[in-house]
Amino acid sequence: MSHSRQIKIPATYMRGGTSKGVFFSLSDLPEVAQVPGAKRDALLLRVIGSPDPYAKHTDGMGGATSSTSKTVILSKSSQADHDVDYLFGQVSIDKPFVDWSGNCGNLSAAVGGFAIAKGLVDAARIPQEGMAEVRIWQANINKTIIAHVPMTLGEVQECGDFELDGVTFPAAEIKIEFLDPADGDGALLPSGNLVDDLEVPGVGTLKATMINAGIPTIFVNADSIGYSGTELQDDINNNEKALAMFESIRAHGAMKMGLITDINEAEQRQHTPKVAFVAGPAKYTASSGKTILESDVDLLVRAMSMGKLHHAMMGTAAVAIGTAAAIPGTLVNQAAGGGERDAVRFGHPSGTLKVGAEAALVDGEWSASKVIMSRSARILMEGHVHVPGDVI
């Protein structure tokens, strides 16, 4: 019986923020996968172990959650004044597709360190001690990200005492700046409204703030859909009726935001937009058992990712939260108490996160210039991934 031999590809397995992914240098990929298309998608699906009807990723590198079924391709930047081009692929767990429609904010924290370690950043720009500023071109959405990567003895410092809720162990702090974070070429508020009436068949008409910042995100009030904002994953992810409701909100929100032209297109665009629900501050117990006091946060936010409630918060959704909080009158701003603000601390299932944002009203339209947050990242393993040769 004939069989194919496995091929091996240099790869690095990294944690960035509260996500994990398989990182590749573009030049290390097989030639047919160095360009976008079906061959590249097939390769990345097999690396992760998708599609997997068992939803376990037993035969791949994925972790069977939206936070751990991720791939990254990096190369020297083709853009002026940038160091590295960063392309993110969100791999579906149980379906045969890779979603290229948005960024991963969490893995953005790992891009700088990988780029330095792989020689993608000019050595003259890397200090022996202090902070290396890595200028990242986010190729999915054509935006600039600046990563401030700590350096010690000429090497990326990965260990430290910075604690990030949703990550078990402390590590070195990496500050990330998302410049002009409006997603893609669209308006920050695609409808032009701070709050819209979103009609969702079977659910009703919901007040919604829809924003393109970091990643297209639809915010609704928790109490309008029967929640308090203190929910953890098991409160939602085991409820098929609730998951169907969120998917319907997402699909109809995508239509209203102009991201799709037919409601059925939403099924093939799982990564974007995101759906999140907000509430005012309240005491709750995080998934780690840590008590979050009402005084610890400005508001509560829970967000859906790839059809499930996220265990913490997506970095890109945190950008959307920070931006919306900085715009008086949005649902996020109202939940945080209203008024003008340049930073917000929100509660999520794993704890809290602070994010800063700069937004301004210019010629009658809101725009955002920058969103800043702190994450951490480290290499978990490096070497080669092996995949059956007949995949490509």
Protein backbone atom coordinates (compact mmCIF):
# COMPACT_ATOMS: atom_id res chain seq x y z
CA MET A 1 0.00 0.00 0.00
CA SER A 2 1.39 3.42 -0.93
CA HIS A 3 1.83 6.08 1.67
CA SER A 4 3.24 9.58 1.92
CA ARG A 5 6.23 10.58 3.97
CA GLN A 6 5.97 13.28 6.58
CA ILE A 7 7.54 16.64 5.90
CA LYS A 8 9.01 18.76 8.66
CA ILE A 9 8.83 22.53 8.86
CA PRO A 10 10.72 24.82 11.26
CA ALA A 11 8.22 26.24 13.75
CA THR A 12 7.97 27.84 17.17
CA TYR A 13 5.16 27.27 19.63
CA MET A 14 4.52 30.47 21.58
CA ARG A 15 2.22 31.91 24.17
CA GLY A 16 1.19 35.51 23.64
CA GLY A 17 -1.11 37.06 26.22
CA THR A 18 -3.85 34.52 26.96
CA SER A 19 -3.44 32.73 23.61
CA LYS A 20 -1.07 30.16 22.11
CA GLY A 21 -0.13 29.60 18.49
CA VAL A 22 2.28 28.01 16.05
CA PHE A 23 4.66 30.62 14.57
CA PHE A 24 6.40 30.30 11.21
CA SER A 25 8.89 32.37 9.27
CA LEU A 26 7.42 32.76 5.80
CA SER A 27 10.65 31.58 4.16
CA ASP A 28 10.54 28.32 6.12
CA LEU A 29 7.19 27.26 4.72
CA PRO A 30 7.04 24.92 1.71
CA GLU A 31 7.10 26.99 -1.46
CA VAL A 32 3.45 26.30 -2.31
CA ALA A 33 2.43 27.60 1.13
CA GLN A 34 4.45 30.81 0.91
CA VAL A 35 1.56 32.40 -0.97
CA PRO A 36 -2.07 32.69 0.15
CA GLY A 37 -4.47 30.03 -1.03
CA ALA A 38 -5.84 26.56 -0.56
CA LYS A 39 -2.42 24.89 -0.16
CA ARG A 40 -1.44 27.21 2.68
CA ASP A 41 -4.80 26.73 4.40
CA ALA A 42 -4.58 22.95 4.06
CA LEU A 43 -1.13 22.93 5.62
CA LEU A 44 -2.14 25.08 8.60
CA LEU A 45 -5.28 23.05 9.18
CA ARG A 46 -3.19 19.88 9.36
CA VAL A 47 -0.62 21.52 11.65
CA ILE A 48 -3.38 22.43 14.11
CA GLY A 49 -5.25 19.15 13.65
CA SER A 50 -8.43 20.47 12.06
CA PRO A 51 -11.12 19.81 11.18
CA ASP A 52 -11.65 17.58 14.20
CA PRO A 53 -15.21 16.29 14.77
CA TYR A 54 -14.10 15.18 18.24
CA ALA A 55 -13.04 18.79 19.04
CA LYS A 56 -9.88 17.58 20.82
CA HIS A 57 -7.04 18.30 18.34
CA THR A 58 -5.43 15.02 19.38
CA ASP A 59 -3.62 14.76 16.02
CA GLY A 60 -2.28 18.31 15.86
CA MET A 61 -0.79 21.26 17.69
CA GLY A 62 -4.08 22.97 18.44
CA GLY A 63 -5.62 23.14 21.89
CA ALA A 64 -9.26 22.73 20.81
CA THR A 65 -10.22 26.26 21.89
CA SER A 66 -10.37 29.52 19.96
CA SER A 67 -7.44 30.78 22.09
CA THR A 68 -5.17 27.90 21.13
CA SER A 69 -6.09 27.12 17.50
CA LYS A 70 -3.98 29.87 16.00
CA THR A 71 -1.20 30.25 13.44
CA VAL A 72 1.15 33.13 12.66
CA ILE A 73 3.35 33.78 9.61
CA LEU A 74 6.10 36.41 9.89
CA SER A 75 8.54 37.93 7.43
CA LYS A 76 10.72 40.99 7.06
CA SER A 77 8.40 43.88 6.43
CA SER A 78 7.56 45.04 2.94
CA GLN A 79 6.35 48.33 4.42
CA ALA A 80 8.47 51.42 4.99
CA ASP A 81 9.38 52.16 8.62
CA HIS A 82 8.30 48.69 9.80
CA ASP A 83 10.37 45.72 10.92
CA VAL A 84 8.12 42.74 10.40
CA ASP A 85 4.93 41.74 8.55
CA TYR A 86 2.56 39.78 10.79
CA LEU A 87 -0.15 37.58 9.27
CA PHE A 88 -2.60 35.79 11.56
CA GLY A 89 -4.71 32.74 10.72
CA GLN A 90 -7.52 31.67 13.06
CA VAL A 91 -8.02 27.95 12.44
CA SER A 92 -11.51 26.55 12.85
CA ILE A 93 -11.70 23.59 15.20
CA ASP A 94 -14.40 21.48 13.54
CA LYS A 95 -14.65 23.00 10.06
CA PRO A 96 -12.13 22.95 7.20
CA PHE A 97 -11.23 26.62 6.98
CA VAL A 98 -8.78 29.24 8.18
CA ASP A 99 -10.19 32.70 8.90
CA TRP A 100 -7.87 35.53 7.76
CA SER A 101 -10.36 38.35 8.40
CA GLY A 102 -8.82 39.82 11.55
CA ASN A 103 -5.91 40.16 13.94
CA CYS A 104 -5.09 38.36 17.20
CA GLY A 105 -4.23 41.00 19.77
CA ASN A 106 -2.90 38.50 22.29
CA LEU A 107 -0.43 36.90 19.88
CA SER A 108 0.66 40.40 18.85
CA ALA A 109 2.60 40.37 22.12
CA ALA A 110 4.68 37.42 20.89
CA VAL A 111 5.49 38.81 17.45
CA GLY A 112 8.25 41.17 18.60
CA GLY A 113 10.18 38.54 20.51
CA PHE A 114 9.92 36.01 17.68
CA ALA A 115 11.00 38.61 15.13
CA ILE A 116 14.08 39.53 17.18
CA ALA A 117 15.02 35.90 17.81
CA LYS A 118 14.71 35.01 14.11
CA GLY A 119 16.75 37.95 12.85
CA LEU A 120 13.82 39.78 11.25
CA VAL A 121 14.68 43.03 13.07
CA ASP A 122 17.76 45.06 12.13
CA ALA A 123 20.40 44.32 14.75
CA ALA A 124 21.26 48.02 14.96
CA ARG A 125 17.79 48.66 16.37
CA ILE A 126 18.10 46.11 19.17
CA PRO A 127 19.66 47.34 22.44
CA GLN A 128 21.71 45.08 24.67
CA GLU A 129 19.70 46.33 27.64
CA GLY A 130 16.36 48.10 27.92
CA MET A 131 13.47 48.12 25.46
CA ALA A 132 13.53 47.14 21.81
CA GLU A 133 10.84 48.89 19.80
CA VAL A 134 9.54 46.48 17.17
CA ARG A 135 7.43 48.07 14.45
CA ILE A 136 4.87 45.52 13.27
CA TRP A 137 2.75 45.68 10.13
CA GLN A 138 -0.45 43.76 10.82
CA ALA A 139 -1.11 42.39 7.35
CA ASN A 140 -4.66 41.12 7.96
CA ILE A 141 -6.01 44.61 8.64
CA ASN A 142 -3.18 46.84 7.33
CA LYS A 143 -2.44 48.51 10.66
CA THR A 144 0.65 49.34 12.70
CA ILE A 145 1.42 47.79 16.09
CA ILE A 146 4.38 48.82 18.23
CA ALA A 147 5.75 46.21 20.65
CA HIS A 148 8.08 47.30 23.44
CA VAL A 149 10.13 44.17 24.10
CA PRO A 150 12.43 44.02 27.15
CA MET A 151 16.03 43.03 26.42
CA THR A 152 18.69 41.66 28.80
CA LEU A 153 22.26 40.88 27.71
CA GLY A 154 21.20 41.24 24.09
CA GLU A 155 18.44 38.65 24.33
CA VAL A 156 14.68 38.92 24.64
CA GLN A 157 13.73 38.84 28.32
CA GLU A 158 10.81 36.46 28.73
CA CYS A 159 10.81 35.87 32.49
CA GLY A 160 9.66 38.46 35.01
CA ASP A 161 7.12 39.32 37.68
CA PHE A 162 4.32 40.78 35.53
CA GLU A 163 1.05 38.98 36.24
CA LEU A 164 -1.70 38.74 33.64
CA ASP A 165 -5.09 37.38 34.66
CA GLY A 166 -5.83 34.33 32.54
CA VAL A 167 -2.15 33.25 32.52
CA THR A 168 -0.95 30.95 35.29
CA PHE A 169 2.63 32.14 35.73
CA PRO A 170 4.24 35.60 35.76
CA ALA A 171 6.51 36.75 32.93
CA ALA A 172 8.13 39.88 31.53
CA GLU A 173 5.79 42.76 30.70
CA ILE A 174 5.45 43.75 27.04
CA LYS A 175 3.65 47.00 26.26
CA ILE A 176 1.71 46.97 23.01
CA GLU A 177 0.50 50.04 21.13
CA PHE A 178 -2.21 49.63 18.50
CA LEU A 179 -1.99 52.73 16.28
CA ASP A 180 -5.06 54.02 14.45
CA PRO A 181 -6.91 50.88 15.59
CA ALA A 182 -10.02 51.28 13.43
CA ASP A 183 -10.24 47.88 11.76
CA GLY A 184 -9.42 47.87 8.05
CA ASP A 185 -10.44 50.88 5.98
CA GLY A 186 -13.90 51.29 7.51
CA ALA A 187 -15.20 53.95 9.87
CA LEU A 188 -14.67 53.54 13.60
CA LEU A 189 -18.46 53.53 14.03
CA PRO A 190 -19.73 52.00 10.77
CA SER A 191 -23.31 53.19 11.25
CA GLY A 192 -22.23 56.61 12.46
CA ASN A 193 -24.18 56.02 15.67
CA LEU A 194 -22.99 55.54 19.23
CA VAL A 195 -25.89 53.16 19.83
CA ASP A 196 -28.03 51.37 17.24
CA ASP A 197 -31.21 49.35 17.35
CA LEU A 198 -30.18 45.88 16.20
CA GLU A 199 -33.08 43.66 15.14
CA VAL A 200 -32.38 39.98 15.74
CA PRO A 201 -35.17 37.56 14.78
CA GLY A 202 -36.15 35.38 17.71
CA VAL A 203 -34.30 37.62 20.15
CA GLY A 204 -35.78 41.07 19.69
CA THR A 205 -34.50 44.57 19.08
CA LEU A 206 -31.33 45.15 21.08
CA LYS A 207 -29.48 48.34 21.85
CA ALA A 208 -26.00 47.80 20.39
CA THR A 209 -22.74 49.68 19.99
CA MET A 210 -20.92 48.44 16.89
CA ILE A 211 -17.32 49.48 16.55
CA ASN A 212 -14.35 48.76 14.26
CA ALA A 213 -11.39 49.02 16.63
CA GLY A 214 -8.87 46.23 17.01
CA ILE A 215 -11.50 43.93 15.59
CA PRO A 216 -15.12 44.55 14.57
CA THR A 217 -17.15 44.12 17.76
CA ILE A 218 -20.83 44.24 18.66
CA PHE A 219 -21.55 45.30 22.25
CA VAL A 220 -24.93 44.73 23.88
CA ASN A 221 -26.12 45.19 27.45
CA ALA A 222 -25.99 42.05 29.55
CA ASP A 223 -29.44 42.53 31.07
CA SER A 224 -31.03 42.85 27.61
CA ILE A 225 -30.17 39.21 26.88
CA GLY A 226 -30.77 37.81 30.35
CA TYR A 227 -27.28 37.97 31.84
CA SER A 228 -25.54 39.85 34.66
CA GLY A 229 -22.02 40.20 33.24
CA THR A 230 -20.53 37.95 35.95
CA GLU A 231 -20.86 34.75 33.91
CA LEU A 232 -18.06 32.22 33.47
CA GLN A 233 -17.54 29.84 30.55
CA ASP A 234 -19.68 26.97 31.85
CA ASP A 235 -22.64 29.32 32.30
CA ILE A 236 -22.83 29.81 28.55
CA ASN A 237 -20.73 27.29 26.65
CA ASN A 238 -22.85 24.31 27.71
CA ASN A 239 -26.08 26.03 26.66
CA GLU A 240 -26.80 25.37 22.98
CA LYS A 241 -29.74 27.78 22.98
CA ALA A 242 -27.53 30.58 24.31
CA LEU A 243 -24.80 29.85 21.77
CA ALA A 244 -27.34 29.95 18.95
CA MET A 245 -28.61 33.31 20.24
CA PHE A 246 -25.13 34.81 20.26
CA GLU A 247 -24.44 33.52 16.76
CA SER A 248 -27.67 35.11 15.53
CA ILE A 249 -26.69 38.43 17.14
CA ARG A 250 -23.27 38.15 15.53
CA ALA A 251 -24.61 37.38 12.07
CA HIS A 252 -27.20 40.17 12.06
CA GLY A 253 -24.66 42.57 13.53
CA ALA A 254 -22.23 41.67 10.77
CA MET A 255 -24.91 42.54 8.22
CA LYS A 256 -25.62 45.90 9.86
CA MET A 257 -21.89 46.68 10.04
CA GLY A 258 -21.54 45.98 6.32
CA LEU A 259 -19.09 43.11 6.86
CA ILE A 260 -21.26 40.66 4.92
CA THR A 261 -23.99 41.06 2.32
CA ASP A 262 -25.84 37.81 2.99
CA ILE A 263 -26.64 36.39 6.43
CA ASN A 264 -25.29 32.98 5.38
CA GLU A 265 -21.81 34.45 4.88
CA ALA A 266 -21.38 34.72 8.65
CA GLU A 267 -20.77 30.97 8.91
CA GLN A 268 -17.57 31.31 6.88
CA ARG A 269 -16.44 34.37 8.83
CA GLN A 270 -16.31 33.06 12.39
CA HIS A 271 -13.39 35.17 13.62
CA THR A 272 -15.12 38.48 12.96
CA PRO A 273 -17.10 40.25 14.20
CA LYS A 274 -17.01 39.53 17.91
CA VAL A 275 -20.01 39.79 20.22
CA ALA A 276 -19.61 41.05 23.79
CA PHE A 277 -22.01 41.98 26.57
CA VAL A 278 -21.40 44.63 29.20
CA ALA A 279 -22.64 45.51 32.67
CA GLY A 280 -21.76 47.86 35.48
CA PRO A 281 -19.21 46.83 38.11
CA ALA A 282 -20.17 44.00 40.48
CA LYS A 283 -18.48 41.49 42.75
CA TYR A 284 -17.85 38.01 41.33
CA THR A 285 -15.54 35.03 41.58
CA ALA A 286 -13.17 34.60 38.64
CA SER A 287 -12.49 31.20 37.09
CA SER A 288 -9.26 30.95 39.12
CA GLY A 289 -11.21 31.34 42.37
CA LYS A 290 -9.99 34.90 42.82
CA THR A 291 -12.56 37.34 44.18
CA ILE A 292 -13.08 40.41 42.03
CA LEU A 293 -14.57 43.27 44.02
CA GLU A 294 -16.92 45.87 42.61
CA SER A 295 -14.26 48.47 43.41
CA ASP A 296 -11.66 46.59 41.32
CA VAL A 297 -13.30 47.37 37.98
CA ASP A 298 -15.07 50.09 36.04
CA LEU A 299 -17.34 47.63 34.25
CA LEU A 300 -17.79 43.95 33.39
CA VAL A 301 -17.34 42.52 29.89
CA ARG A 302 -17.85 39.03 28.55
CA ALA A 303 -16.94 38.26 24.93
CA MET A 304 -17.63 35.44 22.51
CA SER A 305 -14.89 34.02 20.28
CA MET A 306 -15.39 31.40 17.57
CA GLY A 307 -18.79 30.53 19.00
CA LYS A 308 -17.79 30.18 22.65
CA LEU A 309 -17.42 32.48 25.66
CA HIS A 310 -13.73 33.40 25.87
CA HIS A 311 -11.94 32.29 29.04
CA ALA A 312 -10.43 35.77 29.50
CA MET A 313 -10.44 38.52 26.87
CA MET A 314 -9.18 38.63 23.31
CA GLY A 315 -6.53 41.32 22.89
CA THR A 316 -8.30 42.77 19.87
CA ALA A 317 -11.61 42.90 21.77
CA ALA A 318 -9.76 44.68 24.59
CA VAL A 319 -8.78 47.31 21.99
CA ALA A 320 -12.46 47.65 21.07
CA ILE A 321 -13.43 47.91 24.74
CA GLY A 322 -10.84 50.59 25.47
CA THR A 323 -11.82 52.60 22.41
CA ALA A 324 -15.57 52.36 23.05
CA ALA A 325 -15.06 53.29 26.70
CA ALA A 326 -13.26 56.48 25.60
CA ILE A 327 -16.26 57.60 23.52
CA PRO A 328 -19.01 59.12 25.69
CA GLY A 329 -22.42 57.62 25.02
CA THR A 330 -21.49 54.11 23.83
CA LEU A 331 -22.87 51.18 25.77
CA VAL A 332 -19.36 50.41 27.02
CA ASN A 333 -18.87 53.98 28.21
CA GLN A 334 -22.29 54.00 29.88
CA ALA A 335 -21.57 50.72 31.70
CA ALA A 336 -18.32 52.26 32.98
CA GLY A 337 -20.19 55.22 34.43
CA GLY A 338 -20.16 57.58 31.45
CA GLY A 339 -18.13 60.72 30.85
CA GLU A 340 -14.71 61.21 29.34
CA ARG A 341 -11.96 58.70 30.13
CA ASP A 342 -8.59 57.68 28.71
CA ALA A 343 -8.36 54.30 30.42
CA VAL A 344 -10.68 51.63 31.72
CA ARG A 345 -10.28 48.53 33.90
CA PHE A 346 -12.78 45.83 33.10
CA GLY A 347 -13.63 42.49 34.64
CA HIS A 348 -13.58 39.33 32.50
CA PRO A 349 -14.00 35.64 33.39
CA SER A 350 -10.35 35.23 34.46
CA GLY A 351 -9.92 38.53 36.31
CA THR A 352 -9.29 42.12 35.28
CA LEU A 353 -7.47 44.04 32.56
CA LYS A 354 -6.63 47.72 32.14
CA VAL A 355 -6.48 49.28 28.70
CA GLY A 356 -5.85 52.89 27.71
CA ALA A 357 -7.20 54.64 24.62
CA GLU A 358 -7.06 57.99 22.89
CA ALA A 359 -10.21 58.96 20.99
CA ALA A 360 -11.40 62.32 19.66
CA LEU A 361 -14.32 63.83 17.78
CA VAL A 362 -12.96 65.19 14.48
CA ASP A 363 -15.27 66.94 12.00
CA GLY A 364 -18.26 65.27 13.58
CA GLU A 365 -16.83 61.74 13.47
CA TRP A 366 -15.10 59.78 16.22
CA SER A 367 -11.59 58.52 15.57
CA ALA A 368 -9.04 56.71 17.72
CA SER A 369 -5.32 57.33 17.48
CA LYS A 370 -3.92 54.75 19.88
CA VAL A 371 -4.80 51.95 22.29
CA ILE A 372 -2.23 50.68 24.80
CA MET A 373 -2.18 47.56 26.96
CA SER A 374 0.33 45.29 28.67
CA ARG A 375 0.70 41.59 27.88
CA SER A 376 3.44 38.99 28.17
CA ALA A 377 4.80 36.26 25.91
CA ARG A 378 7.31 33.47 25.82
CA ILE A 379 8.57 30.63 23.66
CA LEU A 380 7.15 27.28 24.78
CA MET A 381 8.91 25.07 22.25
CA GLU A 382 10.86 25.40 19.04
CA GLY A 383 11.97 22.91 16.42
CA HIS A 384 9.89 21.38 13.63
CA VAL A 385 6.28 20.45 13.09
CA HIS A 386 5.65 17.28 11.09
CA VAL A 387 2.74 16.88 8.70
CA PRO A 388 1.89 14.20 6.14
CA GLY A 389 3.34 15.17 2.78
CA ASP A 390 0.12 14.54 0.87
CA VAL A 391 -1.52 17.51 2.63
CA ILE A 392 -0.02 19.88 0.09
